[in-house]
Amino acid sequence: TILNRSNRTCLVADHTKFSRSAPARIASLADVDVFYTDLTLPH
């Protein structure tokens, strides 16, 4: 709902989230305008 009601969206997530898994899908990075993180993403 937040994504649907915002003109722009930023994701804040450090690299530990890359190695974790969870069962429910929120959205895709394609739906995010800016992604702030600490390490380079996989290619």
PDB file of all heavy atoms in Angstrom:
ATOM      1  N   THR A   1       0.838  -1.204   0.000  1.00  0.00           N
ATOM      2  CA  THR A   1       0.000   0.000   0.000  1.00  0.00           C
ATOM      3  C   THR A   1       0.869   1.249   0.000  1.00  0.00           C
ATOM      4  O   THR A   1       0.567   2.230  -0.692  1.00  0.00           O
ATOM      5  CB  THR A   1      -0.935   0.002   1.224  1.00  0.00           C
ATOM      6  OG1 THR A   1      -1.683  -1.216   1.260  1.00  0.00           O
ATOM      7  CG2 THR A   1      -1.895   1.184   1.177  1.00  0.00           C
ATOM      8  N   ILE A   2       1.948   1.224   0.776  1.00  0.00           N
ATOM      9  CA  ILE A   2       2.875   2.356   0.802  1.00  0.00           C
ATOM     10  C   ILE A   2       3.425   2.627  -0.594  1.00  0.00           C
ATOM     11  O   ILE A   2       3.471   3.778  -1.057  1.00  0.00           O
ATOM     12  CB  ILE A   2       4.032   2.073   1.779  1.00  0.00           C
ATOM     13  CG1 ILE A   2       3.523   1.958   3.211  1.00  0.00           C
ATOM     14  CG2 ILE A   2       5.106   3.158   1.688  1.00  0.00           C
ATOM     15  CD1 ILE A   2       4.519   1.325   4.164  1.00  0.00           C
ATOM     16  N   LEU A   3       3.860   1.590  -1.285  1.00  0.00           N
ATOM     17  CA  LEU A   3       4.408   1.755  -2.637  1.00  0.00           C
ATOM     18  C   LEU A   3       3.380   2.381  -3.575  1.00  0.00           C
ATOM     19  O   LEU A   3       3.723   3.223  -4.414  1.00  0.00           O
ATOM     20  CB  LEU A   3       4.853   0.396  -3.177  1.00  0.00           C
ATOM     21  CG  LEU A   3       6.088  -0.226  -2.516  1.00  0.00           C
ATOM     22  CD1 LEU A   3       6.264  -1.668  -2.982  1.00  0.00           C
ATOM     23  CD2 LEU A   3       7.330   0.577  -2.830  1.00  0.00           C
ATOM     24  N   ASN A   4       2.123   1.990  -3.428  1.00  0.00           N
ATOM     25  CA  ASN A   4       1.067   2.496  -4.304  1.00  0.00           C
ATOM     26  C   ASN A   4       0.705   3.948  -4.020  1.00  0.00           C
ATOM     27  O   ASN A   4       0.136   4.625  -4.887  1.00  0.00           O
ATOM     28  CB  ASN A   4      -0.195   1.633  -4.168  1.00  0.00           C
ATOM     29  CG  ASN A   4      -0.019   0.252  -4.772  1.00  0.00           C
ATOM     30  OD1 ASN A   4       0.765   0.074  -5.689  1.00  0.00           O
ATOM     31  ND2 ASN A   4      -0.743  -0.726  -4.250  1.00  0.00           N
ATOM     32  N   ARG A   5       1.040   4.444  -2.831  1.00  0.00           N
ATOM     33  CA  ARG A   5       0.630   5.792  -2.440  1.00  0.00           C
ATOM     34  C   ARG A   5       1.813   6.766  -2.381  1.00  0.00           C
ATOM     35  O   ARG A   5       1.677   7.859  -1.818  1.00  0.00           O
ATOM     36  CB  ARG A   5      -0.059   5.756  -1.062  1.00  0.00           C
ATOM     37  CG  ARG A   5      -1.284   4.851  -0.991  1.00  0.00           C
ATOM     38  CD  ARG A   5      -2.342   5.220  -2.016  1.00  0.00           C
ATOM     39  NE  ARG A   5      -2.858   6.564  -1.792  1.00  0.00           N
ATOM     40  CZ  ARG A   5      -3.615   7.217  -2.658  1.00  0.00           C
ATOM     41  NH1 ARG A   5      -3.929   6.667  -3.823  1.00  0.00           N
ATOM     42  NH2 ARG A   5      -4.050   8.433  -2.377  1.00  0.00           N
ATOM     43  N   SER A   6       2.923   6.418  -2.982  1.00  0.00           N
ATOM     44  CA  SER A   6       4.110   7.275  -2.938  1.00  0.00           C
ATOM     45  C   SER A   6       4.568   7.644  -4.341  1.00  0.00           C
ATOM     46  O   SER A   6       4.582   6.804  -5.240  1.00  0.00           O
ATOM     47  CB  SER A   6       5.260   6.557  -2.205  1.00  0.00           C
ATOM     48  OG  SER A   6       4.873   6.228  -0.888  1.00  0.00           O
ATOM     49  N   ASN A   7       4.947   8.911  -4.501  1.00  0.00           N
ATOM     50  CA  ASN A   7       5.460   9.359  -5.803  1.00  0.00           C
ATOM     51  C   ASN A   7       6.835   8.767  -6.095  1.00  0.00           C
ATOM     52  O   ASN A   7       7.148   8.457  -7.239  1.00  0.00           O
ATOM     53  CB  ASN A   7       5.537  10.885  -5.839  1.00  0.00           C
ATOM     54  CG  ASN A   7       4.169  11.532  -5.858  1.00  0.00           C
ATOM     55  OD1 ASN A   7       3.219  10.979  -6.422  1.00  0.00           O
ATOM     56  ND2 ASN A   7       4.041  12.689  -5.220  1.00  0.00           N
ATOM     57  N   ARG A   8       7.654   8.638  -5.052  1.00  0.00           N
ATOM     58  CA  ARG A   8       8.971   8.034  -5.191  1.00  0.00           C
ATOM     59  C   ARG A   8       9.214   7.110  -4.009  1.00  0.00           C
ATOM     60  O   ARG A   8       8.699   7.340  -2.910  1.00  0.00           O
ATOM     61  CB  ARG A   8      10.085   9.106  -5.252  1.00  0.00           C
ATOM     62  CG  ARG A   8      10.162   9.844  -6.569  1.00  0.00           C
ATOM     63  CD  ARG A   8      11.211  10.952  -6.529  1.00  0.00           C
ATOM     64  NE  ARG A   8      12.556  10.463  -6.194  1.00  0.00           N
ATOM     65  CZ  ARG A   8      13.380   9.883  -7.067  1.00  0.00           C
ATOM     66  NH1 ARG A   8      12.993   9.697  -8.328  1.00  0.00           N
ATOM     67  NH2 ARG A   8      14.583   9.496  -6.703  1.00  0.00           N
ATOM     68  N   THR A   9      10.019   6.084  -4.243  1.00  0.00           N
ATOM     69  CA  THR A   9      10.295   5.106  -3.194  1.00  0.00           C
ATOM     70  C   THR A   9      11.794   4.842  -3.097  1.00  0.00           C
ATOM     71  O   THR A   9      12.463   4.646  -4.118  1.00  0.00           O
ATOM     72  CB  THR A   9       9.577   3.768  -3.470  1.00  0.00           C
ATOM     73  OG1 THR A   9       8.178   4.000  -3.591  1.00  0.00           O
ATOM     74  CG2 THR A   9       9.822   2.783  -2.339  1.00  0.00           C
ATOM     75  N   CYS A  10      12.309   4.821  -1.868  1.00  0.00           N
ATOM     76  CA  CYS A  10      13.693   4.459  -1.608  1.00  0.00           C
ATOM     77  C   CYS A  10      13.717   3.194  -0.750  1.00  0.00           C
ATOM     78  O   CYS A  10      12.934   3.059   0.193  1.00  0.00           O
ATOM     79  CB  CYS A  10      14.414   5.576  -0.851  1.00  0.00           C
ATOM     80  SG  CYS A  10      14.534   7.130  -1.745  1.00  0.00           S
ATOM     81  N   LEU A  11      14.612   2.288  -1.084  1.00  0.00           N
ATOM     82  CA  LEU A  11      14.851   1.098  -0.273  1.00  0.00           C
ATOM     83  C   LEU A  11      16.168   1.270   0.454  1.00  0.00           C
ATOM     84  O   LEU A  11      17.172   1.645  -0.151  1.00  0.00           O
ATOM     85  CB  LEU A  11      14.911  -0.150  -1.158  1.00  0.00           C
ATOM     86  CG  LEU A  11      15.325  -1.452  -0.453  1.00  0.00           C
ATOM     87  CD1 LEU A  11      14.248  -1.909   0.518  1.00  0.00           C
ATOM     88  CD2 LEU A  11      15.639  -2.550  -1.469  1.00  0.00           C
ATOM     89  N   VAL A  12      16.165   0.998   1.763  1.00  0.00           N
ATOM     90  CA  VAL A  12      17.405   0.993   2.548  1.00  0.00           C
ATOM     91  C   VAL A  12      17.614  -0.432   3.051  1.00  0.00           C
ATOM     92  O   VAL A  12      16.801  -0.969   3.793  1.00  0.00           O
ATOM     93  CB  VAL A  12      17.346   2.003   3.718  1.00  0.00           C
ATOM     94  CG1 VAL A  12      17.489   3.423   3.192  1.00  0.00           C
ATOM     95  CG2 VAL A  12      16.057   1.878   4.532  1.00  0.00           C
ATOM     96  N   ALA A  13      18.706  -1.053   2.630  1.00  0.00           N
ATOM     97  CA  ALA A  13      18.972  -2.452   3.000  1.00  0.00           C
ATOM     98  C   ALA A  13      20.455  -2.738   2.871  1.00  0.00           C
ATOM     99  O   ALA A  13      21.046  -2.499   1.814  1.00  0.00           O
ATOM    100  CB  ALA A  13      18.175  -3.406   2.109  1.00  0.00           C
ATOM    101  N   ASP A  14      21.058  -3.254   3.930  1.00  0.00           N
ATOM    102  CA  ASP A  14      22.480  -3.576   3.875  1.00  0.00           C
ATOM    103  C   ASP A  14      22.689  -4.973   3.286  1.00  0.00           C
ATOM    104  O   ASP A  14      21.729  -5.703   3.033  1.00  0.00           O
ATOM    105  CB  ASP A  14      23.103  -3.477   5.271  1.00  0.00           C
ATOM    106  CG  ASP A  14      22.606  -4.568   6.199  1.00  0.00           C
ATOM    107  OD1 ASP A  14      21.521  -4.410   6.794  1.00  0.00           O
ATOM    108  OD2 ASP A  14      23.297  -5.587   6.318  1.00  0.00           O
ATOM    109  N   HIS A  15      23.947  -5.358   3.099  1.00  0.00           N
ATOM    110  CA  HIS A  15      24.273  -6.567   2.351  1.00  0.00           C
ATOM    111  C   HIS A  15      23.829  -7.853   3.047  1.00  0.00           C
ATOM    112  O   HIS A  15      23.738  -8.894   2.405  1.00  0.00           O
ATOM    113  CB  HIS A  15      25.792  -6.634   2.098  1.00  0.00           C
ATOM    114  CG  HIS A  15      26.592  -6.969   3.318  1.00  0.00           C
ATOM    115  ND1 HIS A  15      26.978  -6.027   4.247  1.00  0.00           N
ATOM    116  CD2 HIS A  15      27.075  -8.160   3.776  1.00  0.00           C
ATOM    117  CE1 HIS A  15      27.668  -6.612   5.206  1.00  0.00           C
ATOM    118  NE2 HIS A  15      27.741  -7.905   4.951  1.00  0.00           N
ATOM    119  N   THR A  16      23.558  -7.791   4.356  1.00  0.00           N
ATOM    120  CA  THR A  16      23.116  -9.016   5.032  1.00  0.00           C
ATOM    121  C   THR A  16      21.786  -9.508   4.485  1.00  0.00           C
ATOM    122  O   THR A  16      21.477 -10.699   4.587  1.00  0.00           O
ATOM    123  CB  THR A  16      22.987  -8.795   6.553  1.00  0.00           C
ATOM    124  OG1 THR A  16      21.977  -7.809   6.822  1.00  0.00           O
ATOM    125  CG2 THR A  16      24.312  -8.344   7.154  1.00  0.00           C
ATOM    126  N   LYS A  17      21.003  -8.611   3.881  1.00  0.00           N
ATOM    127  CA  LYS A  17      19.716  -9.022   3.308  1.00  0.00           C
ATOM    128  C   LYS A  17      19.915  -9.865   2.051  1.00  0.00           C
ATOM    129  O   LYS A  17      19.007 -10.600   1.641  1.00  0.00           O
ATOM    130  CB  LYS A  17      18.879  -7.783   2.969  1.00  0.00           C
ATOM    131  CG  LYS A  17      18.656  -6.846   4.143  1.00  0.00           C
ATOM    132  CD  LYS A  17      17.922  -7.516   5.284  1.00  0.00           C
ATOM    133  CE  LYS A  17      17.814  -6.634   6.509  1.00  0.00           C
ATOM    134  NZ  LYS A  17      16.972  -5.467   6.332  1.00  0.00           N
ATOM    135  N   PHE A  18      21.114  -9.769   1.416  1.00  0.00           N
ATOM    136  CA  PHE A  18      21.364 -10.546   0.196  1.00  0.00           C
ATOM    137  C   PHE A  18      21.468 -12.040   0.488  1.00  0.00           C
ATOM    138  O   PHE A  18      21.230 -12.865  -0.401  1.00  0.00           O
ATOM    139  CB  PHE A  18      22.668 -10.109  -0.477  1.00  0.00           C
ATOM    140  CG  PHE A  18      22.731  -8.650  -0.862  1.00  0.00           C
ATOM    141  CD1 PHE A  18      23.927  -8.075  -1.234  1.00  0.00           C
ATOM    142  CD2 PHE A  18      21.608  -7.841  -0.849  1.00  0.00           C
ATOM    143  CE1 PHE A  18      24.018  -6.739  -1.595  1.00  0.00           C
ATOM    144  CE2 PHE A  18      21.676  -6.502  -1.200  1.00  0.00           C
ATOM    145  CZ  PHE A  18      22.880  -5.958  -1.567  1.00  0.00           C
ATOM    146  N   SER A  19      21.854 -12.382   1.716  1.00  0.00           N
ATOM    147  CA  SER A  19      22.092 -13.787   2.047  1.00  0.00           C
ATOM    148  C   SER A  19      20.949 -14.391   2.847  1.00  0.00           C
ATOM    149  O   SER A  19      21.064 -15.497   3.359  1.00  0.00           O
ATOM    150  CB  SER A  19      23.405 -13.921   2.833  1.00  0.00           C
ATOM    151  OG  SER A  19      23.365 -13.154   4.017  1.00  0.00           O
ATOM    152  N   ARG A  20      19.842 -13.670   2.963  1.00  0.00           N
ATOM    153  CA  ARG A  20      18.695 -14.162   3.723  1.00  0.00           C
ATOM    154  C   ARG A  20      17.541 -14.482   2.783  1.00  0.00           C
ATOM    155  O   ARG A  20      17.507 -14.067   1.637  1.00  0.00           O
ATOM    156  CB  ARG A  20      18.248 -13.131   4.761  1.00  0.00           C
ATOM    157  CG  ARG A  20      19.337 -12.769   5.756  1.00  0.00           C
ATOM    158  CD  ARG A  20      18.778 -11.969   6.902  1.00  0.00           C
ATOM    159  NE  ARG A  20      17.863 -12.796   7.699  1.00  0.00           N
ATOM    160  CZ  ARG A  20      16.860 -12.301   8.418  1.00  0.00           C
ATOM    161  NH1 ARG A  20      16.624 -11.012   8.422  1.00  0.00           N
ATOM    162  NH2 ARG A  20      16.092 -13.109   9.123  1.00  0.00           N
ATOM    163  N   SER A  21      16.577 -15.210   3.317  1.00  0.00           N
ATOM    164  CA  SER A  21      15.386 -15.544   2.552  1.00  0.00           C
ATOM    165  C   SER A  21      14.169 -15.357   3.446  1.00  0.00           C
ATOM    166  O   SER A  21      14.256 -15.479   4.672  1.00  0.00           O
ATOM    167  CB  SER A  21      15.451 -16.978   2.043  1.00  0.00           C
ATOM    168  OG  SER A  21      14.293 -17.295   1.295  1.00  0.00           O
ATOM    169  N   ALA A  22      13.038 -15.033   2.844  1.00  0.00           N
ATOM    170  CA  ALA A  22      11.773 -14.895   3.559  1.00  0.00           C
ATOM    171  C   ALA A  22      10.663 -15.314   2.597  1.00  0.00           C
ATOM    172  O   ALA A  22      10.833 -15.250   1.373  1.00  0.00           O
ATOM    173  CB  ALA A  22      11.581 -13.460   4.040  1.00  0.00           C
ATOM    174  N   PRO A  23       9.510 -15.742   3.118  1.00  0.00           N
ATOM    175  CA  PRO A  23       8.519 -16.383   2.249  1.00  0.00           C
ATOM    176  C   PRO A  23       7.568 -15.470   1.497  1.00  0.00           C
ATOM    177  O   PRO A  23       6.937 -15.907   0.526  1.00  0.00           O
ATOM    178  CB  PRO A  23       7.735 -17.269   3.234  1.00  0.00           C
ATOM    179  CG  PRO A  23       7.845 -16.549   4.538  1.00  0.00           C
ATOM    180  CD  PRO A  23       9.198 -15.914   4.548  1.00  0.00           C
ATOM    181  N   ALA A  24       7.414 -14.205   1.927  1.00  0.00           N
ATOM    182  CA  ALA A  24       6.377 -13.353   1.340  1.00  0.00           C
ATOM    183  C   ALA A  24       6.997 -12.241   0.494  1.00  0.00           C
ATOM    184  O   ALA A  24       7.920 -11.549   0.936  1.00  0.00           O
ATOM    185  CB  ALA A  24       5.511 -12.750   2.438  1.00  0.00           C
ATOM    186  N   ARG A  25       6.467 -12.055  -0.718  1.00  0.00           N
ATOM    187  CA  ARG A  25       7.005 -11.063  -1.658  1.00  0.00           C
ATOM    188  C   ARG A  25       6.300  -9.720  -1.475  1.00  0.00           C
ATOM    189  O   ARG A  25       5.072  -9.649  -1.481  1.00  0.00           O
ATOM    190  CB  ARG A  25       6.837 -11.553  -3.093  1.00  0.00           C
ATOM    191  CG  ARG A  25       7.393 -10.610  -4.144  1.00  0.00           C
ATOM    192  CD  ARG A  25       7.133 -11.141  -5.546  1.00  0.00           C
ATOM    193  NE  ARG A  25       7.751 -10.309  -6.583  1.00  0.00           N
ATOM    194  CZ  ARG A  25       7.173  -9.239  -7.114  1.00  0.00           C
ATOM    195  NH1 ARG A  25       5.958  -8.862  -6.713  1.00  0.00           N
ATOM    196  NH2 ARG A  25       7.794  -8.527  -8.045  1.00  0.00           N
ATOM    197  N   ILE A  26       7.094  -8.661  -1.338  1.00  0.00           N
ATOM    198  CA  ILE A  26       6.557  -7.304  -1.263  1.00  0.00           C
ATOM    199  C   ILE A  26       6.435  -6.709  -2.660  1.00  0.00           C
ATOM    200  O   ILE A  26       5.368  -6.266  -3.090  1.00  0.00           O
ATOM    201  CB  ILE A  26       7.470  -6.398  -0.412  1.00  0.00           C
ATOM    202  CG1 ILE A  26       7.635  -6.943   0.994  1.00  0.00           C
ATOM    203  CG2 ILE A  26       6.929  -4.978  -0.382  1.00  0.00           C
ATOM    204  CD1 ILE A  26       8.710  -6.233   1.804  1.00  0.00           C
ATOM    205  N   ALA A  27       7.543  -6.684  -3.375  1.00  0.00           N
ATOM    206  CA  ALA A  27       7.621  -6.037  -4.688  1.00  0.00           C
ATOM    207  C   ALA A  27       8.969  -6.409  -5.296  1.00  0.00           C
ATOM    208  O   ALA A  27       9.649  -7.322  -4.816  1.00  0.00           O
ATOM    209  CB  ALA A  27       7.481  -4.517  -4.543  1.00  0.00           C
ATOM    210  N   SER A  28       9.345  -5.690  -6.337  1.00  0.00           N
ATOM    211  CA  SER A  28      10.631  -5.890  -6.991  1.00  0.00           C
ATOM    212  C   SER A  28      11.459  -4.614  -6.894  1.00  0.00           C
ATOM    213  O   SER A  28      10.912  -3.509  -6.730  1.00  0.00           O
ATOM    214  CB  SER A  28      10.419  -6.256  -8.463  1.00  0.00           C
ATOM    215  OG  SER A  28      11.639  -6.158  -9.193  1.00  0.00           O
ATOM    216  N   LEU A  29      12.777  -4.761  -7.008  1.00  0.00           N
ATOM    217  CA  LEU A  29      13.621  -3.572  -7.122  1.00  0.00           C
ATOM    218  C   LEU A  29      13.241  -2.725  -8.331  1.00  0.00           C
ATOM    219  O   LEU A  29      13.542  -1.533  -8.375  1.00  0.00           O
ATOM    220  CB  LEU A  29      15.092  -3.981  -7.215  1.00  0.00           C
ATOM    221  CG  LEU A  29      15.836  -4.216  -5.902  1.00  0.00           C
ATOM    222  CD1 LEU A  29      17.230  -4.748  -6.168  1.00  0.00           C
ATOM    223  CD2 LEU A  29      15.887  -2.947  -5.060  1.00  0.00           C
ATOM    224  N   ALA A  30      12.568  -3.333  -9.291  1.00  0.00           N
ATOM    225  CA  ALA A  30      12.073  -2.573 -10.444  1.00  0.00           C
ATOM    226  C   ALA A  30      11.056  -1.519 -10.020  1.00  0.00           C
ATOM    227  O   ALA A  30      10.838  -0.530 -10.735  1.00  0.00           O
ATOM    228  CB  ALA A  30      11.445  -3.527 -11.467  1.00  0.00           C
ATOM    229  N   ASP A  31      10.416  -1.716  -8.857  1.00  0.00           N
ATOM    230  CA  ASP A  31       9.409  -0.781  -8.346  1.00  0.00           C
ATOM    231  C   ASP A  31      10.014   0.292  -7.456  1.00  0.00           C
ATOM    232  O   ASP A  31       9.289   1.147  -6.935  1.00  0.00           O
ATOM    233  CB  ASP A  31       8.349  -1.555  -7.546  1.00  0.00           C
ATOM    234  CG  ASP A  31       7.693  -2.652  -8.366  1.00  0.00           C
ATOM    235  OD1 ASP A  31       7.259  -2.352  -9.494  1.00  0.00           O
ATOM    236  OD2 ASP A  31       7.631  -3.801  -7.882  1.00  0.00           O
ATOM    237  N   VAL A  32      11.329   0.259  -7.274  1.00  0.00           N
ATOM    238  CA  VAL A  32      12.032   1.183  -6.383  1.00  0.00           C
ATOM    239  C   VAL A  32      12.798   2.203  -7.211  1.00  0.00           C
ATOM    240  O   VAL A  32      13.417   1.859  -8.225  1.00  0.00           O
ATOM    241  CB  VAL A  32      12.998   0.397  -5.460  1.00  0.00           C
ATOM    242  CG1 VAL A  32      13.911   1.333  -4.685  1.00  0.00           C
ATOM    243  CG2 VAL A  32      12.207  -0.505  -4.520  1.00  0.00           C
ATOM    244  N   ASP A  33      12.767   3.462  -6.795  1.00  0.00           N
ATOM    245  CA  ASP A  33      13.496   4.508  -7.519  1.00  0.00           C
ATOM    246  C   ASP A  33      14.974   4.546  -7.135  1.00  0.00           C
ATOM    247  O   ASP A  33      15.840   4.657  -8.006  1.00  0.00           O
ATOM    248  CB  ASP A  33      12.851   5.874  -7.253  1.00  0.00           C
ATOM    249  CG  ASP A  33      11.450   5.967  -7.816  1.00  0.00           C
ATOM    250  OD1 ASP A  33      11.304   5.984  -9.057  1.00  0.00           O
ATOM    251  OD2 ASP A  33      10.493   5.986  -7.016  1.00  0.00           O
ATOM    252  N   VAL A  34      15.263   4.454  -5.825  1.00  0.00           N
ATOM    253  CA  VAL A  34      16.649   4.522  -5.356  1.00  0.00           C
ATOM    254  C   VAL A  34      16.857   3.428  -4.312  1.00  0.00           C
ATOM    255  O   VAL A  34      16.028   3.251  -3.413  1.00  0.00           O
ATOM    256  CB  VAL A  34      16.986   5.892  -4.734  1.00  0.00           C
ATOM    257  CG1 VAL A  34      18.481   5.968  -4.403  1.00  0.00           C
ATOM    258  CG2 VAL A  34      16.593   7.026  -5.664  1.00  0.00           C
ATOM    259  N   PHE A  35      17.952   2.702  -4.438  1.00  0.00           N
ATOM    260  CA  PHE A  35      18.312   1.637  -3.506  1.00  0.00           C
ATOM    261  C   PHE A  35      19.628   2.013  -2.848  1.00  0.00           C
ATOM    262  O   PHE A  35      20.662   2.101  -3.504  1.00  0.00           O
ATOM    263  CB  PHE A  35      18.427   0.313  -4.261  1.00  0.00           C
ATOM    264  CG  PHE A  35      18.903  -0.854  -3.439  1.00  0.00           C
ATOM    265  CD1 PHE A  35      18.768  -0.888  -2.059  1.00  0.00           C
ATOM    266  CD2 PHE A  35      19.498  -1.953  -4.060  1.00  0.00           C
ATOM    267  CE1 PHE A  35      19.207  -1.957  -1.305  1.00  0.00           C
ATOM    268  CE2 PHE A  35      19.935  -3.046  -3.323  1.00  0.00           C
ATOM    269  CZ  PHE A  35      19.796  -3.041  -1.939  1.00  0.00           C
ATOM    270  N   TYR A  36      19.592   2.239  -1.526  1.00  0.00           N
ATOM    271  CA  TYR A  36      20.785   2.561  -0.742  1.00  0.00           C
ATOM    272  C   TYR A  36      21.273   1.283  -0.066  1.00  0.00           C
ATOM    273  O   TYR A  36      20.525   0.650   0.689  1.00  0.00           O
ATOM    274  CB  TYR A  36      20.473   3.604   0.322  1.00  0.00           C
ATOM    275  CG  TYR A  36      20.049   4.948  -0.207  1.00  0.00           C
ATOM    276  CD1 TYR A  36      18.713   5.209  -0.499  1.00  0.00           C
ATOM    277  CD2 TYR A  36      20.976   5.963  -0.417  1.00  0.00           C
ATOM    278  CE1 TYR A  36      18.301   6.447  -0.982  1.00  0.00           C
ATOM    279  CE2 TYR A  36      20.588   7.212  -0.900  1.00  0.00           C
ATOM    280  CZ  TYR A  36      19.241   7.442  -1.186  1.00  0.00           C
ATOM    281  OH  TYR A  36      18.854   8.674  -1.673  1.00  0.00           O
ATOM    282  N   THR A  37      22.527   0.916  -0.313  1.00  0.00           N
ATOM    283  CA  THR A  37      23.098  -0.280   0.287  1.00  0.00           C
ATOM    284  C   THR A  37      24.580  -0.064   0.527  1.00  0.00           C
ATOM    285  O   THR A  37      25.132   0.987   0.159  1.00  0.00           O
ATOM    286  CB  THR A  37      22.836  -1.523  -0.591  1.00  0.00           C
ATOM    287  OG1 THR A  37      23.199  -2.703   0.123  1.00  0.00           O
ATOM    288  CG2 THR A  37      23.595  -1.439  -1.910  1.00  0.00           C
ATOM    289  N   ASP A  38      25.237  -1.056   1.138  1.00  0.00           N
ATOM    290  CA  ASP A  38      26.626  -0.836   1.543  1.00  0.00           C
ATOM    291  C   ASP A  38      27.649  -1.536   0.662  1.00  0.00           C
ATOM    292  O   ASP A  38      28.805  -1.116   0.624  1.00  0.00           O
ATOM    293  CB  ASP A  38      26.840  -1.251   3.000  1.00  0.00           C
ATOM    294  CG  ASP A  38      26.441  -2.694   3.286  1.00  0.00           C
ATOM    295  OD1 ASP A  38      25.558  -3.214   2.581  1.00  0.00           O
ATOM    296  OD2 ASP A  38      26.993  -3.296   4.218  1.00  0.00           O
ATOM    297  N   LEU A  39      27.274  -2.588  -0.045  1.00  0.00           N
ATOM    298  CA  LEU A  39      28.223  -3.311  -0.883  1.00  0.00           C
ATOM    299  C   LEU A  39      27.731  -3.381  -2.322  1.00  0.00           C
ATOM    300  O   LEU A  39      26.534  -3.215  -2.603  1.00  0.00           O
ATOM    301  CB  LEU A  39      28.437  -4.737  -0.344  1.00  0.00           C
ATOM    302  CG  LEU A  39      29.091  -4.878   1.028  1.00  0.00           C
ATOM    303  CD1 LEU A  39      29.316  -6.356   1.353  1.00  0.00           C
ATOM    304  CD2 LEU A  39      30.409  -4.116   1.107  1.00  0.00           C
ATOM    305  N   THR A  40      28.659  -3.655  -3.223  1.00  0.00           N
ATOM    306  CA  THR A  40      28.310  -3.785  -4.636  1.00  0.00           C
ATOM    307  C   THR A  40      27.370  -4.967  -4.836  1.00  0.00           C
ATOM    308  O   THR A  40      27.568  -6.041  -4.256  1.00  0.00           O
ATOM    309  CB  THR A  40      29.589  -3.993  -5.468  1.00  0.00           C
ATOM    310  OG1 THR A  40      30.466  -2.882  -5.252  1.00  0.00           O
ATOM    311  CG2 THR A  40      29.258  -4.092  -6.961  1.00  0.00           C
ATOM    312  N   LEU A  41      26.366  -4.782  -5.675  1.00  0.00           N
ATOM    313  CA  LEU A  41      25.416  -5.855  -5.940  1.00  0.00           C
ATOM    314  C   LEU A  41      26.055  -6.924  -6.818  1.00  0.00           C
ATOM    315  O   LEU A  41      26.980  -6.643  -7.590  1.00  0.00           O
ATOM    316  CB  LEU A  41      24.183  -5.302  -6.666  1.00  0.00           C
ATOM    317  CG  LEU A  41      23.353  -4.240  -5.960  1.00  0.00           C
ATOM    318  CD1 LEU A  41      22.111  -3.921  -6.798  1.00  0.00           C
ATOM    319  CD2 LEU A  41      22.959  -4.673  -4.576  1.00  0.00           C
ATOM    320  N   PRO A  42      25.565  -8.164  -6.726  1.00  0.00           N
ATOM    321  CA  PRO A  42      25.983  -9.176  -7.699  1.00  0.00           C
ATOM    322  C   PRO A  42      25.747  -8.672  -9.126  1.00  0.00           C
ATOM    323  O   PRO A  42      24.804  -7.912  -9.387  1.00  0.00           O
ATOM    324  CB  PRO A  42      25.071 -10.363  -7.371  1.00  0.00           C
ATOM    325  CG  PRO A  42      24.708 -10.170  -5.935  1.00  0.00           C
ATOM    326  CD  PRO A  42      24.619  -8.682  -5.731  1.00  0.00           C
ATOM    327  N   HIS A  43      26.615  -9.097 -10.054  1.00  0.00           N
ATOM    328  CA  HIS A  43      26.621  -8.538 -11.399  1.00  0.00           C
ATOM    329  C   HIS A  43      25.242  -8.600 -12.072  1.00  0.00           C
ATOM    330  O   HIS A  43      24.765  -7.604 -12.648  1.00  0.00           O
ATOM    331  CB  HIS A  43      27.652  -9.267 -12.265  1.00  0.00           C
ATOM    332  CG  HIS A  43      27.656  -8.817 -13.695  1.00  0.00           C
ATOM    333  ND1 HIS A  43      28.129  -7.578 -14.082  1.00  0.00           N
ATOM    334  CD2 HIS A  43      27.203  -9.430 -14.833  1.00  0.00           C
ATOM    335  CE1 HIS A  43      27.990  -7.448 -15.397  1.00  0.00           C
ATOM    336  NE2 HIS A  43      27.431  -8.548 -15.865  1.00  0.00           N
TER     337      HIS A  43
END
